Amino acid sequence: MKAIALFSGGKDSTFAIHLASMQGFEIEKLVTVIVENRAPHLFHRPFAEYTVLQAEAMGIPIVVERGVDEEQTLVKALRRALEGTRATHLVVGALLSDFQRTRFAMVAEELGLKLFAPLWRKDQYRYMKELVEFGIEAMIVSITCFGLPLEWLGRVVDEKLVEEIARRARRYGFNPAFEGGEAETFVVNAPLFRFRICVDFEKVVLSEFEGFAKPLRVYRC
């Protein structure tokens, strides 16, 4: 089975590609959509320009498309990605958002593709544990949530941190997999990567509960 995959560089899309590969899919191309507005609804934004380096680490060609309209840009990017492929499926990392999954399904149908969403409706806590167990190393690069300390910016999610995130999620009422946008991640290593990625950054604090890691240098190491 051949597929193209939506890829943001974060934990969800990376893990979806990993699971698709385990289930026999050949990922022919990655597709990154960078939306030039402040509040994209479909796509993860932080560090998205560095997906090219992650694609190199996986040895998979990538198509990067920029635009201001999410769905139009997505369709344009997927049409470009489909050129020269025999892909029949679209792999996405949708977890819980009905809005996301519905839009992705509509676009996939429009292009004659079947949607494959291996993470859909997984238990959020169990998903985070599996993420670590499968070797996905995701660095926290933004936080916009009461209950998540800004000291975690730049920290890679490990087993101990998953438990602390779950504890805080129960206490403060946020989603333990960050599905509500509470935090964003950038994957620095994974089983499909041929090399690790290093990130030099500075922390930018916007408020008591909001901040992000500003990349200074992102490189193979």
N, C-alpha and C. Protein backbone atom coordinates (compact mmCIF):
# COMPACT_ATOMS: atom_id res chain seq x y z
N MET A 1 0.84 -1.19 0.00
CA MET A 1 0.00 0.00 0.00
C MET A 1 0.88 1.25 0.00
N LYS A 2 0.52 2.19 -0.83
CA LYS A 2 1.30 3.42 -0.95
C LYS A 2 0.49 4.59 -0.43
N ALA A 3 1.18 5.53 0.23
CA ALA A 3 0.47 6.64 0.86
C ALA A 3 1.32 7.90 0.83
N ILE A 4 0.63 9.02 0.96
CA ILE A 4 1.29 10.27 1.27
C ILE A 4 0.82 10.65 2.67
N ALA A 5 1.61 11.42 3.39
CA ALA A 5 1.29 11.70 4.79
C ALA A 5 1.38 13.19 5.08
N LEU A 6 0.37 13.70 5.78
CA LEU A 6 0.46 15.07 6.28
C LEU A 6 1.45 15.08 7.44
N PHE A 7 2.36 16.03 7.40
CA PHE A 7 3.46 16.02 8.37
C PHE A 7 3.73 17.42 8.89
N SER A 8 3.56 17.60 10.20
CA SER A 8 3.78 18.91 10.81
C SER A 8 5.12 18.99 11.54
N GLY A 9 5.75 17.84 11.76
CA GLY A 9 6.97 17.81 12.55
C GLY A 9 6.73 17.52 14.01
N GLY A 10 5.45 17.50 14.43
CA GLY A 10 5.11 17.24 15.81
C GLY A 10 4.90 15.76 16.09
N LYS A 11 4.56 15.45 17.34
CA LYS A 11 4.45 14.07 17.79
C LYS A 11 3.36 13.28 17.08
N ASP A 12 2.20 13.90 16.83
CA ASP A 12 1.07 13.15 16.29
C ASP A 12 1.33 12.67 14.86
N SER A 13 1.75 13.58 13.99
CA SER A 13 1.98 13.17 12.60
C SER A 13 3.15 12.21 12.50
N THR A 14 4.17 12.39 13.33
CA THR A 14 5.32 11.48 13.31
C THR A 14 4.92 10.08 13.75
N PHE A 15 4.14 9.99 14.81
CA PHE A 15 3.71 8.69 15.31
C PHE A 15 2.76 8.03 14.31
N ALA A 16 1.90 8.81 13.67
CA ALA A 16 0.99 8.24 12.66
C ALA A 16 1.77 7.63 11.51
N ILE A 17 2.83 8.30 11.07
CA ILE A 17 3.67 7.77 9.99
C ILE A 17 4.36 6.49 10.45
N HIS A 18 4.83 6.49 11.70
CA HIS A 18 5.47 5.30 12.24
C HIS A 18 4.51 4.11 12.24
N LEU A 19 3.29 4.32 12.73
CA LEU A 19 2.31 3.24 12.79
C LEU A 19 1.88 2.79 11.40
N ALA A 20 1.75 3.74 10.48
CA ALA A 20 1.39 3.38 9.10
C ALA A 20 2.48 2.50 8.49
N SER A 21 3.74 2.85 8.72
CA SER A 21 4.85 2.05 8.21
C SER A 21 4.84 0.65 8.80
N MET A 22 4.52 0.56 10.08
CA MET A 22 4.45 -0.74 10.74
C MET A 22 3.33 -1.60 10.17
N GLN A 23 2.29 -0.97 9.66
CA GLN A 23 1.15 -1.69 9.12
C GLN A 23 1.26 -1.92 7.62
N GLY A 24 2.43 -1.67 7.07
CA GLY A 24 2.68 -2.05 5.69
C GLY A 24 2.57 -0.94 4.66
N PHE A 25 2.32 0.27 5.09
CA PHE A 25 2.25 1.38 4.13
C PHE A 25 3.65 1.82 3.71
N GLU A 26 3.79 2.11 2.43
CA GLU A 26 5.00 2.76 1.93
C GLU A 26 4.70 4.24 1.79
N ILE A 27 5.35 5.06 2.59
CA ILE A 27 5.11 6.51 2.55
C ILE A 27 5.94 7.09 1.41
N GLU A 28 5.26 7.52 0.36
CA GLU A 28 5.97 8.01 -0.82
C GLU A 28 6.38 9.48 -0.69
N LYS A 29 5.56 10.27 -0.02
CA LYS A 29 5.90 11.68 0.17
C LYS A 29 5.27 12.20 1.46
N LEU A 30 5.91 13.19 2.04
CA LEU A 30 5.37 13.93 3.16
C LEU A 30 4.84 15.26 2.65
N VAL A 31 3.84 15.78 3.32
CA VAL A 31 3.24 17.05 2.94
C VAL A 31 3.16 17.95 4.16
N THR A 32 3.82 19.10 4.10
CA THR A 32 3.75 20.09 5.17
C THR A 32 3.04 21.32 4.65
N VAL A 33 2.04 21.76 5.38
CA VAL A 33 1.31 22.98 5.05
C VAL A 33 1.61 24.01 6.12
N ILE A 34 2.14 25.16 5.70
CA ILE A 34 2.45 26.25 6.62
C ILE A 34 1.46 27.38 6.35
N VAL A 35 0.61 27.62 7.32
CA VAL A 35 -0.44 28.62 7.16
C VAL A 35 0.03 29.94 7.74
N GLU A 36 -0.02 30.97 6.92
CA GLU A 36 0.51 32.27 7.33
C GLU A 36 -0.56 33.10 8.04
N ASN A 37 -1.10 32.56 9.12
CA ASN A 37 -1.96 33.36 9.98
C ASN A 37 -1.73 32.94 11.42
N ARG A 38 -2.31 33.63 12.34
CA ARG A 38 -1.99 33.40 13.75
C ARG A 38 -2.78 32.27 14.39
N ALA A 39 -3.88 31.86 13.78
CA ALA A 39 -4.73 30.87 14.44
C ALA A 39 -5.17 29.77 13.48
N PRO A 40 -4.25 28.96 12.96
CA PRO A 40 -4.66 27.87 12.08
C PRO A 40 -5.46 26.83 12.84
N HIS A 41 -6.51 26.30 12.21
CA HIS A 41 -7.38 25.32 12.87
C HIS A 41 -6.99 23.88 12.53
N LEU A 42 -6.36 23.68 11.40
CA LEU A 42 -6.05 22.32 10.95
C LEU A 42 -4.62 21.92 11.23
N PHE A 43 -3.72 22.88 11.31
CA PHE A 43 -2.31 22.53 11.30
C PHE A 43 -1.54 23.09 12.49
N HIS A 44 -0.64 22.27 12.96
CA HIS A 44 0.36 22.64 13.98
C HIS A 44 1.36 23.58 13.30
N ARG A 45 1.75 24.66 13.99
CA ARG A 45 2.60 25.67 13.36
C ARG A 45 4.06 25.70 13.81
N PRO A 46 4.34 25.58 15.13
CA PRO A 46 5.73 25.79 15.56
C PRO A 46 6.73 24.87 14.87
N PHE A 47 7.84 25.43 14.44
CA PHE A 47 8.96 24.67 13.88
C PHE A 47 8.62 23.98 12.54
N ALA A 48 7.47 24.32 11.95
CA ALA A 48 7.04 23.60 10.75
C ALA A 48 8.04 23.73 9.59
N GLU A 49 8.78 24.84 9.55
CA GLU A 49 9.75 25.03 8.47
C GLU A 49 10.91 24.04 8.55
N TYR A 50 11.05 23.38 9.70
CA TYR A 50 12.15 22.42 9.85
C TYR A 50 11.75 20.99 9.54
N THR A 51 10.55 20.81 9.00
CA THR A 51 10.13 19.46 8.60
C THR A 51 11.00 18.94 7.46
N VAL A 52 11.62 19.84 6.71
CA VAL A 52 12.51 19.41 5.63
C VAL A 52 13.67 18.60 6.20
N LEU A 53 14.21 19.02 7.33
CA LEU A 53 15.30 18.29 7.96
C LEU A 53 14.80 16.95 8.51
N GLN A 54 13.60 16.94 9.07
CA GLN A 54 13.03 15.69 9.56
C GLN A 54 12.76 14.72 8.41
N ALA A 55 12.29 15.24 7.28
CA ALA A 55 12.07 14.40 6.11
C ALA A 55 13.38 13.78 5.63
N GLU A 56 14.45 14.59 5.67
CA GLU A 56 15.77 14.08 5.31
C GLU A 56 16.17 12.96 6.26
N ALA A 57 15.87 13.14 7.55
CA ALA A 57 16.20 12.11 8.53
C ALA A 57 15.46 10.80 8.24
N MET A 58 14.25 10.90 7.70
CA MET A 58 13.47 9.71 7.38
C MET A 58 13.72 9.19 5.97
N GLY A 59 14.40 9.99 5.15
CA GLY A 59 14.66 9.58 3.78
C GLY A 59 13.41 9.56 2.91
N ILE A 60 12.49 10.48 3.19
CA ILE A 60 11.23 10.56 2.43
C ILE A 60 11.13 11.93 1.79
N PRO A 61 10.82 12.03 0.50
CA PRO A 61 10.64 13.33 -0.15
C PRO A 61 9.52 14.12 0.54
N ILE A 62 9.62 15.44 0.48
CA ILE A 62 8.62 16.28 1.13
C ILE A 62 8.19 17.41 0.23
N VAL A 63 6.91 17.75 0.32
CA VAL A 63 6.35 18.91 -0.36
C VAL A 63 5.93 19.90 0.71
N VAL A 64 6.41 21.13 0.61
CA VAL A 64 6.05 22.18 1.57
C VAL A 64 5.28 23.25 0.82
N GLU A 65 4.10 23.58 1.33
CA GLU A 65 3.25 24.58 0.68
C GLU A 65 2.85 25.64 1.71
N ARG A 66 2.98 26.91 1.34
CA ARG A 66 2.59 28.01 2.20
C ARG A 66 1.34 28.69 1.64
N GLY A 67 0.52 29.21 2.54
CA GLY A 67 -0.68 29.92 2.10
C GLY A 67 -1.40 30.54 3.27
N VAL A 68 -2.48 31.24 2.99
CA VAL A 68 -3.27 31.87 4.05
C VAL A 68 -4.59 31.16 4.27
N ASP A 69 -5.04 30.39 3.30
CA ASP A 69 -6.27 29.61 3.44
C ASP A 69 -5.90 28.15 3.64
N GLU A 70 -6.30 27.59 4.77
CA GLU A 70 -5.86 26.26 5.13
C GLU A 70 -6.26 25.19 4.11
N GLU A 71 -7.55 25.12 3.81
CA GLU A 71 -8.02 24.02 2.97
C GLU A 71 -7.53 24.16 1.53
N GLN A 72 -7.53 25.38 1.00
CA GLN A 72 -7.03 25.58 -0.36
C GLN A 72 -5.54 25.22 -0.45
N THR A 73 -4.79 25.63 0.56
CA THR A 73 -3.36 25.33 0.58
C THR A 73 -3.13 23.83 0.72
N LEU A 74 -3.95 23.16 1.53
CA LEU A 74 -3.84 21.71 1.70
C LEU A 74 -4.09 20.99 0.39
N VAL A 75 -5.16 21.34 -0.31
CA VAL A 75 -5.47 20.68 -1.57
C VAL A 75 -4.36 20.90 -2.59
N LYS A 76 -3.85 22.13 -2.65
CA LYS A 76 -2.77 22.44 -3.58
C LYS A 76 -1.53 21.60 -3.26
N ALA A 77 -1.21 21.49 -1.98
CA ALA A 77 -0.04 20.72 -1.57
C ALA A 77 -0.20 19.24 -1.89
N LEU A 78 -1.38 18.71 -1.62
CA LEU A 78 -1.62 17.28 -1.89
C LEU A 78 -1.59 16.99 -3.39
N ARG A 79 -2.11 17.89 -4.19
CA ARG A 79 -2.06 17.68 -5.65
C ARG A 79 -0.60 17.63 -6.12
N ARG A 80 0.22 18.52 -5.58
CA ARG A 80 1.65 18.49 -5.92
C ARG A 80 2.29 17.19 -5.48
N ALA A 81 1.94 16.75 -4.28
CA ALA A 81 2.54 15.53 -3.74
C ALA A 81 2.12 14.29 -4.52
N LEU A 82 0.93 14.29 -5.05
CA LEU A 82 0.43 13.12 -5.78
C LEU A 82 1.09 12.95 -7.14
N GLU A 83 1.69 14.00 -7.66
CA GLU A 83 2.34 13.91 -8.96
C GLU A 83 3.48 12.89 -8.91
N GLY A 84 3.42 11.93 -9.81
CA GLY A 84 4.48 10.93 -9.88
C GLY A 84 4.40 9.84 -8.83
N THR A 85 3.29 9.76 -8.11
CA THR A 85 3.13 8.70 -7.12
C THR A 85 1.98 7.77 -7.52
N ARG A 86 1.90 6.67 -6.80
CA ARG A 86 0.77 5.75 -6.95
C ARG A 86 0.04 5.62 -5.61
N ALA A 87 0.07 6.69 -4.85
CA ALA A 87 -0.53 6.66 -3.52
C ALA A 87 -2.04 6.47 -3.59
N THR A 88 -2.55 5.66 -2.68
CA THR A 88 -3.99 5.42 -2.58
C THR A 88 -4.55 5.91 -1.24
N HIS A 89 -3.66 6.24 -0.28
CA HIS A 89 -4.10 6.62 1.05
C HIS A 89 -3.44 7.93 1.48
N LEU A 90 -4.14 8.61 2.39
CA LEU A 90 -3.61 9.80 3.04
C LEU A 90 -3.50 9.50 4.53
N VAL A 91 -2.29 9.58 5.06
CA VAL A 91 -2.04 9.32 6.47
C VAL A 91 -2.08 10.63 7.24
N VAL A 92 -2.87 10.67 8.32
CA VAL A 92 -2.96 11.89 9.13
C VAL A 92 -2.82 11.52 10.61
N GLY A 93 -2.41 12.49 11.41
CA GLY A 93 -2.22 12.26 12.83
C GLY A 93 -3.36 12.77 13.69
N ALA A 94 -4.56 12.85 13.12
CA ALA A 94 -5.72 13.35 13.87
C ALA A 94 -5.97 12.47 15.09
N LEU A 95 -6.17 13.13 16.23
CA LEU A 95 -6.37 12.41 17.49
C LEU A 95 -7.81 12.44 17.97
N LEU A 96 -8.35 13.64 18.11
CA LEU A 96 -9.65 13.77 18.77
C LEU A 96 -10.56 14.78 18.10
N SER A 97 -10.01 15.67 17.30
CA SER A 97 -10.80 16.76 16.72
C SER A 97 -11.67 16.27 15.56
N ASP A 98 -12.98 16.35 15.74
CA ASP A 98 -13.90 16.00 14.67
C ASP A 98 -13.74 16.96 13.50
N PHE A 99 -13.48 18.22 13.81
CA PHE A 99 -13.29 19.22 12.76
C PHE A 99 -12.13 18.82 11.86
N GLN A 100 -10.98 18.50 12.47
CA GLN A 100 -9.81 18.10 11.70
C GLN A 100 -10.10 16.87 10.85
N ARG A 101 -10.60 15.83 11.48
CA ARG A 101 -10.79 14.57 10.77
C ARG A 101 -11.80 14.71 9.63
N THR A 102 -12.87 15.44 9.87
CA THR A 102 -13.88 15.64 8.82
C THR A 102 -13.29 16.38 7.63
N ARG A 103 -12.52 17.43 7.90
CA ARG A 103 -11.92 18.19 6.79
C ARG A 103 -10.92 17.34 6.03
N PHE A 104 -10.10 16.60 6.74
CA PHE A 104 -9.11 15.75 6.08
C PHE A 104 -9.81 14.68 5.24
N ALA A 105 -10.90 14.12 5.76
CA ALA A 105 -11.64 13.09 5.03
C ALA A 105 -12.24 13.67 3.75
N MET A 106 -12.77 14.88 3.83
CA MET A 106 -13.37 15.52 2.66
C MET A 106 -12.32 15.78 1.59
N VAL A 107 -11.16 16.27 2.00
CA VAL A 107 -10.09 16.54 1.04
C VAL A 107 -9.59 15.25 0.43
N ALA A 108 -9.42 14.21 1.25
CA ALA A 108 -8.96 12.93 0.74
C ALA A 108 -9.93 12.37 -0.30
N GLU A 109 -11.21 12.46 0.00
CA GLU A 109 -12.22 11.97 -0.94
C GLU A 109 -12.18 12.75 -2.25
N GLU A 110 -12.01 14.05 -2.14
CA GLU A 110 -11.94 14.91 -3.33
C GLU A 110 -10.80 14.48 -4.25
N LEU A 111 -9.70 14.00 -3.65
CA LEU A 111 -8.52 13.63 -4.43
C LEU A 111 -8.47 12.13 -4.73
N GLY A 112 -9.52 11.40 -4.35
CA GLY A 112 -9.57 9.97 -4.63
C GLY A 112 -8.70 9.14 -3.70
N LEU A 113 -8.45 9.64 -2.49
CA LEU A 113 -7.62 8.92 -1.52
C LEU A 113 -8.46 8.40 -0.37
N LYS A 114 -7.99 7.34 0.25
CA LYS A 114 -8.62 6.82 1.45
C LYS A 114 -7.86 7.38 2.66
N LEU A 115 -8.61 7.75 3.68
CA LEU A 115 -7.99 8.33 4.87
C LEU A 115 -7.55 7.23 5.83
N PHE A 116 -6.32 7.38 6.34
CA PHE A 116 -5.81 6.45 7.36
C PHE A 116 -5.38 7.28 8.55
N ALA A 117 -6.11 7.12 9.66
CA ALA A 117 -5.85 7.90 10.87
C ALA A 117 -5.65 6.93 12.03
N PRO A 118 -4.45 6.40 12.20
CA PRO A 118 -4.22 5.33 13.18
C PRO A 118 -4.32 5.77 14.63
N LEU A 119 -4.32 7.07 14.90
CA LEU A 119 -4.38 7.56 16.27
C LEU A 119 -5.79 7.95 16.69
N TRP A 120 -6.74 7.87 15.76
CA TRP A 120 -8.06 8.43 16.00
C TRP A 120 -8.75 7.79 17.20
N ARG A 121 -9.16 8.65 18.13
CA ARG A 121 -9.92 8.26 19.32
C ARG A 121 -9.14 7.36 20.28
N LYS A 122 -7.84 7.35 20.19
CA LYS A 122 -7.06 6.62 21.19
C LYS A 122 -7.23 7.27 22.56
N ASP A 123 -7.17 6.46 23.60
CA ASP A 123 -7.13 7.02 24.95
C ASP A 123 -5.92 7.94 25.05
N GLN A 124 -6.15 9.17 25.49
CA GLN A 124 -5.11 10.18 25.42
C GLN A 124 -3.91 9.87 26.31
N TYR A 125 -4.16 9.38 27.49
CA TYR A 125 -3.06 9.02 28.39
C TYR A 125 -2.30 7.83 27.83
N ARG A 126 -3.02 6.82 27.37
CA ARG A 126 -2.36 5.63 26.81
C ARG A 126 -1.55 6.00 25.58
N TYR A 127 -2.08 6.92 24.80
CA TYR A 127 -1.37 7.37 23.60
C TYR A 127 -0.02 7.98 23.97
N MET A 128 0.00 8.84 24.99
CA MET A 128 1.26 9.47 25.39
C MET A 128 2.26 8.45 25.88
N LYS A 129 1.80 7.44 26.59
CA LYS A 129 2.69 6.39 27.05
C LYS A 129 3.26 5.61 25.86
N GLU A 130 2.41 5.29 24.88
CA GLU A 130 2.86 4.55 23.70
C GLU A 130 3.86 5.36 22.90
N LEU A 131 3.64 6.66 22.84
CA LEU A 131 4.55 7.55 22.12
C LEU A 131 5.98 7.35 22.61
N VAL A 132 6.14 7.34 23.91
CA VAL A 132 7.46 7.15 24.51
C VAL A 132 7.95 5.72 24.32
N GLU A 133 7.05 4.76 24.54
CA GLU A 133 7.43 3.35 24.42
C GLU A 133 7.91 3.00 23.02
N PHE A 134 7.36 3.66 22.00
CA PHE A 134 7.74 3.39 20.62
C PHE A 134 8.98 4.17 20.19
N GLY A 135 9.50 5.02 21.07
CA GLY A 135 10.74 5.71 20.77
C GLY A 135 10.61 7.03 20.06
N ILE A 136 9.43 7.66 20.13
CA ILE A 136 9.26 8.99 19.55
C ILE A 136 9.72 10.02 20.58
N GLU A 137 10.76 10.79 20.25
CA GLU A 137 11.29 11.79 21.16
C GLU A 137 10.79 13.18 20.73
N ALA A 138 9.81 13.67 21.47
CA ALA A 138 9.16 14.93 21.11
C ALA A 138 9.52 16.02 22.11
N MET A 139 10.06 17.10 21.61
CA MET A 139 10.45 18.23 22.44
C MET A 139 9.30 19.23 22.53
N ILE A 140 9.00 19.69 23.72
CA ILE A 140 7.95 20.70 23.90
C ILE A 140 8.49 22.06 23.44
N VAL A 141 7.79 22.66 22.46
CA VAL A 141 8.29 23.92 21.89
C VAL A 141 7.35 25.10 22.11
N SER A 142 6.14 24.84 22.60
CA SER A 142 5.28 25.95 22.98
C SER A 142 4.31 25.48 24.06
N ILE A 143 3.92 26.42 24.91
CA ILE A 143 2.97 26.14 25.99
C ILE A 143 1.98 27.30 26.05
N THR A 144 0.70 26.97 26.09
CA THR A 144 -0.34 28.00 26.20
C THR A 144 -1.43 27.51 27.14
N CYS A 145 -1.04 27.06 28.32
CA CYS A 145 -2.00 26.41 29.19
C CYS A 145 -1.66 26.62 30.66
N PHE A 146 -2.65 26.96 31.44
CA PHE A 146 -2.50 27.01 32.88
C PHE A 146 -2.29 25.58 33.39
N GLY A 147 -1.24 25.38 34.16
CA GLY A 147 -0.96 24.05 34.69
C GLY A 147 0.27 23.40 34.10
N LEU A 148 0.76 23.94 32.97
CA LEU A 148 2.00 23.45 32.37
C LEU A 148 3.10 24.47 32.63
N PRO A 149 4.14 24.11 33.36
CA PRO A 149 5.20 25.08 33.69
C PRO A 149 6.04 25.44 32.48
N LEU A 150 6.38 26.70 32.35
CA LEU A 150 7.19 27.17 31.23
C LEU A 150 8.60 26.60 31.27
N GLU A 151 9.00 26.07 32.42
CA GLU A 151 10.31 25.43 32.52
C GLU A 151 10.41 24.19 31.64
N TRP A 152 9.26 23.68 31.20
CA TRP A 152 9.26 22.49 30.34
C TRP A 152 9.58 22.81 28.89
N LEU A 153 9.64 24.06 28.52
CA LEU A 153 10.00 24.40 27.14
C LEU A 153 11.39 23.85 26.83
N GLY A 154 11.49 23.12 25.73
CA GLY A 154 12.75 22.51 25.35
C GLY A 154 12.96 21.12 25.92
N ARG A 155 12.05 20.68 26.77
CA ARG A 155 12.19 19.36 27.39
C ARG A 155 11.60 18.28 26.48
N VAL A 156 12.28 17.15 26.37
CA VAL A 156 11.78 16.02 25.58
C VAL A 156 10.87 15.18 26.47
N VAL A 157 9.71 14.82 25.94
CA VAL A 157 8.74 14.04 26.69
C VAL A 157 9.27 12.62 26.91
N ASP A 158 9.39 12.23 28.16
CA ASP A 158 9.81 10.88 28.50
C ASP A 158 8.77 10.26 29.43
N GLU A 159 9.04 9.04 29.88
CA GLU A 159 8.05 8.32 30.69
C GLU A 159 7.69 9.09 31.97
N LYS A 160 8.69 9.64 32.62
CA LYS A 160 8.46 10.38 33.86
C LYS A 160 7.60 11.62 33.59
N LEU A 161 7.89 12.31 32.49
CA LEU A 161 7.14 13.52 32.18
C LEU A 161 5.69 13.20 31.81
N VAL A 162 5.47 12.07 31.12
CA VAL A 162 4.11 11.66 30.77
C VAL A 162 3.26 11.53 32.04
N GLU A 163 3.82 10.92 33.06
CA GLU A 163 3.09 10.75 34.32
C GLU A 163 2.79 12.09 34.98
N GLU A 164 3.75 13.01 34.91
CA GLU A 164 3.53 14.33 35.50
C GLU A 164 2.50 15.12 34.71
N ILE A 165 2.54 14.99 33.38
CA ILE A 165 1.54 15.65 32.53
C ILE A 165 0.16 15.12 32.87
N ALA A 166 0.03 13.81 33.00
CA ALA A 166 -1.26 13.19 33.32
C ALA A 166 -1.78 13.67 34.67
N ARG A 167 -0.88 13.76 35.65
CA ARG A 167 -1.27 14.22 36.98
C ARG A 167 -1.78 15.66 36.91
N ARG A 168 -1.05 16.49 36.20
CA ARG A 168 -1.47 17.89 36.08
C ARG A 168 -2.75 18.02 35.25
N ALA A 169 -2.92 17.17 34.24
CA ALA A 169 -4.13 17.22 33.42
C ALA A 169 -5.37 16.93 34.28
N ARG A 170 -5.25 15.97 35.18
CA ARG A 170 -6.37 15.66 36.07
C ARG A 170 -6.65 16.83 37.00
N ARG A 171 -5.60 17.47 37.46
CA ARG A 171 -5.77 18.57 38.42
C ARG A 171 -6.31 19.83 37.77
N TYR A 172 -5.78 20.17 36.59
CA TYR A 172 -6.13 21.44 35.98
C TYR A 172 -7.13 21.32 34.83
N GLY A 173 -7.44 20.11 34.41
CA GLY A 173 -8.51 19.92 33.43
C GLY A 173 -8.13 20.09 31.97
N PHE A 174 -6.84 19.98 31.63
CA PHE A 174 -6.47 20.07 30.21
C PHE A 174 -6.28 18.68 29.61
N ASN A 175 -6.14 18.61 28.30
CA ASN A 175 -5.99 17.33 27.62
C ASN A 175 -4.55 16.84 27.77
N PRO A 176 -4.34 15.61 28.26
CA PRO A 176 -2.98 15.12 28.51
C PRO A 176 -2.15 14.89 27.25
N ALA A 177 -2.81 14.87 26.08
CA ALA A 177 -2.08 14.73 24.82
C ALA A 177 -1.95 16.07 24.09
N PHE A 178 -2.36 17.15 24.77
CA PHE A 178 -2.28 18.51 24.23
C PHE A 178 -3.17 18.70 23.00
N GLU A 179 -4.25 17.91 22.91
CA GLU A 179 -5.10 17.99 21.74
C GLU A 179 -5.85 19.32 21.66
N GLY A 180 -5.96 20.01 22.76
CA GLY A 180 -6.62 21.30 22.74
C GLY A 180 -5.67 22.46 22.47
N GLY A 181 -4.44 22.14 22.06
CA GLY A 181 -3.47 23.18 21.77
C GLY A 181 -2.74 23.67 23.00
N GLU A 182 -2.83 22.92 24.10
CA GLU A 182 -2.19 23.32 25.35
C GLU A 182 -0.67 23.44 25.21
N ALA A 183 -0.11 22.61 24.35
CA ALA A 183 1.33 22.66 24.07
C ALA A 183 1.55 22.09 22.67
N GLU A 184 2.71 22.43 22.10
CA GLU A 184 3.09 21.89 20.79
C GLU A 184 4.46 21.25 20.91
N THR A 185 4.73 20.30 20.01
CA THR A 185 5.99 19.57 20.08
C THR A 185 6.71 19.55 18.73
N PHE A 186 7.99 19.24 18.80
CA PHE A 186 8.83 19.05 17.61
C PHE A 186 9.64 17.78 17.84
N VAL A 187 9.55 16.83 16.93
CA VAL A 187 10.20 15.53 17.11
C VAL A 187 11.68 15.63 16.72
N VAL A 188 12.55 15.26 17.65
CA VAL A 188 13.99 15.33 17.40
C VAL A 188 14.62 13.97 17.11
N ASN A 189 13.86 12.90 17.38
CA ASN A 189 14.35 11.57 17.06
C ASN A 189 13.18 10.59 17.06
N ALA A 190 13.29 9.56 16.24
CA ALA A 190 12.23 8.56 16.13
C ALA A 190 12.82 7.32 15.46
N PRO A 191 12.15 6.18 15.56
CA PRO A 191 12.69 4.97 14.95
C PRO A 191 12.95 5.08 13.44
N LEU A 192 12.17 5.90 12.74
CA LEU A 192 12.37 6.06 11.30
C LEU A 192 13.47 7.06 10.96
N PHE A 193 13.98 7.78 11.95
CA PHE A 193 15.02 8.77 11.69
C PHE A 193 16.38 8.08 11.53
N ARG A 194 17.15 8.56 10.57
CA ARG A 194 18.50 8.07 10.36
C ARG A 194 19.52 8.84 11.20
N PHE A 195 19.12 9.98 11.71
CA PHE A 195 19.99 10.76 12.58
C PHE A 195 19.12 11.59 13.52
N ARG A 196 19.71 11.96 14.65
CA ARG A 196 19.03 12.79 15.63
C ARG A 196 19.11 14.26 15.21
N ILE A 197 18.14 15.04 15.62
CA ILE A 197 18.13 16.47 15.36
C ILE A 197 18.35 17.22 16.66
N CYS A 198 19.25 18.19 16.63
CA CYS A 198 19.52 19.02 17.79
C CYS A 198 18.91 20.41 17.58
N VAL A 199 18.50 21.02 18.67
CA VAL A 199 17.86 22.33 18.60
C VAL A 199 18.50 23.28 19.61
N ASP A 200 19.06 24.37 19.11
CA ASP A 200 19.50 25.46 19.97
C ASP A 200 18.39 26.50 19.96
N PHE A 201 17.96 26.96 21.11
CA PHE A 201 16.81 27.85 21.17
C PHE A 201 16.93 28.80 22.36
N GLU A 202 16.08 29.80 22.34
CA GLU A 202 15.92 30.65 23.52
C GLU A 202 14.45 30.64 23.91
N LYS A 203 14.20 30.71 25.21
CA LYS A 203 12.83 30.71 25.70
C LYS A 203 12.26 32.13 25.62
N VAL A 204 11.06 32.20 25.08
CA VAL A 204 10.35 33.48 25.01
C VAL A 204 9.10 33.36 25.87
N VAL A 205 8.98 34.18 26.88
CA VAL A 205 7.84 34.15 27.80
C VAL A 205 6.88 35.28 27.43
N LEU A 206 5.64 34.91 27.14
CA LEU A 206 4.63 35.89 26.76
C LEU A 206 3.74 36.28 27.93
N SER A 207 3.52 35.34 28.82
CA SER A 207 2.72 35.59 30.02
C SER A 207 3.09 34.54 31.04
N GLU A 208 2.42 34.54 32.17
CA GLU A 208 2.72 33.59 33.23
C GLU A 208 2.51 32.15 32.79
N PHE A 209 1.60 31.95 31.81
CA PHE A 209 1.26 30.60 31.39
C PHE A 209 1.42 30.39 29.88
N GLU A 210 2.18 31.25 29.22
CA GLU A 210 2.33 31.16 27.77
C GLU A 210 3.75 31.51 27.35
N GLY A 211 4.34 30.64 26.54
CA GLY A 211 5.67 30.90 26.03
C GLY A 211 6.03 29.90 24.95
N PHE A 212 7.17 30.14 24.32
CA PHE A 212 7.59 29.23 23.26
C PHE A 212 9.10 29.21 23.17
N ALA A 213 9.60 28.18 22.50
CA ALA A 213 11.03 28.05 22.23
C ALA A 213 11.31 28.68 20.87
N LYS A 214 12.10 29.71 20.83
CA LYS A 214 12.47 30.36 19.57
C LYS A 214 13.71 29.69 19.02
N PRO A 215 13.60 29.04 17.85
CA PRO A 215 14.75 28.31 17.33
C PRO A 215 15.87 29.25 16.88
N LEU A 216 17.08 28.95 17.29
CA LEU A 216 18.25 29.68 16.85
C LEU A 216 19.02 28.87 15.82
N ARG A 217 19.05 27.56 16.04
CA ARG A 217 19.72 26.64 15.11
C ARG A 217 19.10 25.26 15.26
N VAL A 218 18.71 24.67 14.14
CA VAL A 218 18.15 23.32 14.13
C VAL A 218 19.00 22.51 13.15
N TYR A 219 19.63 21.44 13.63
CA TYR A 219 20.64 20.76 12.80
C TYR A 219 20.74 19.29 13.15
N ARG A 220 21.33 18.51 12.22
CA ARG A 220 21.56 17.09 12.47
C ARG A 220 22.73 16.94 13.42
N CYS A 221 22.65 15.95 14.28
CA CYS A 221 23.72 15.77 15.26
C CYS A 221 23.89 14.28 15.60
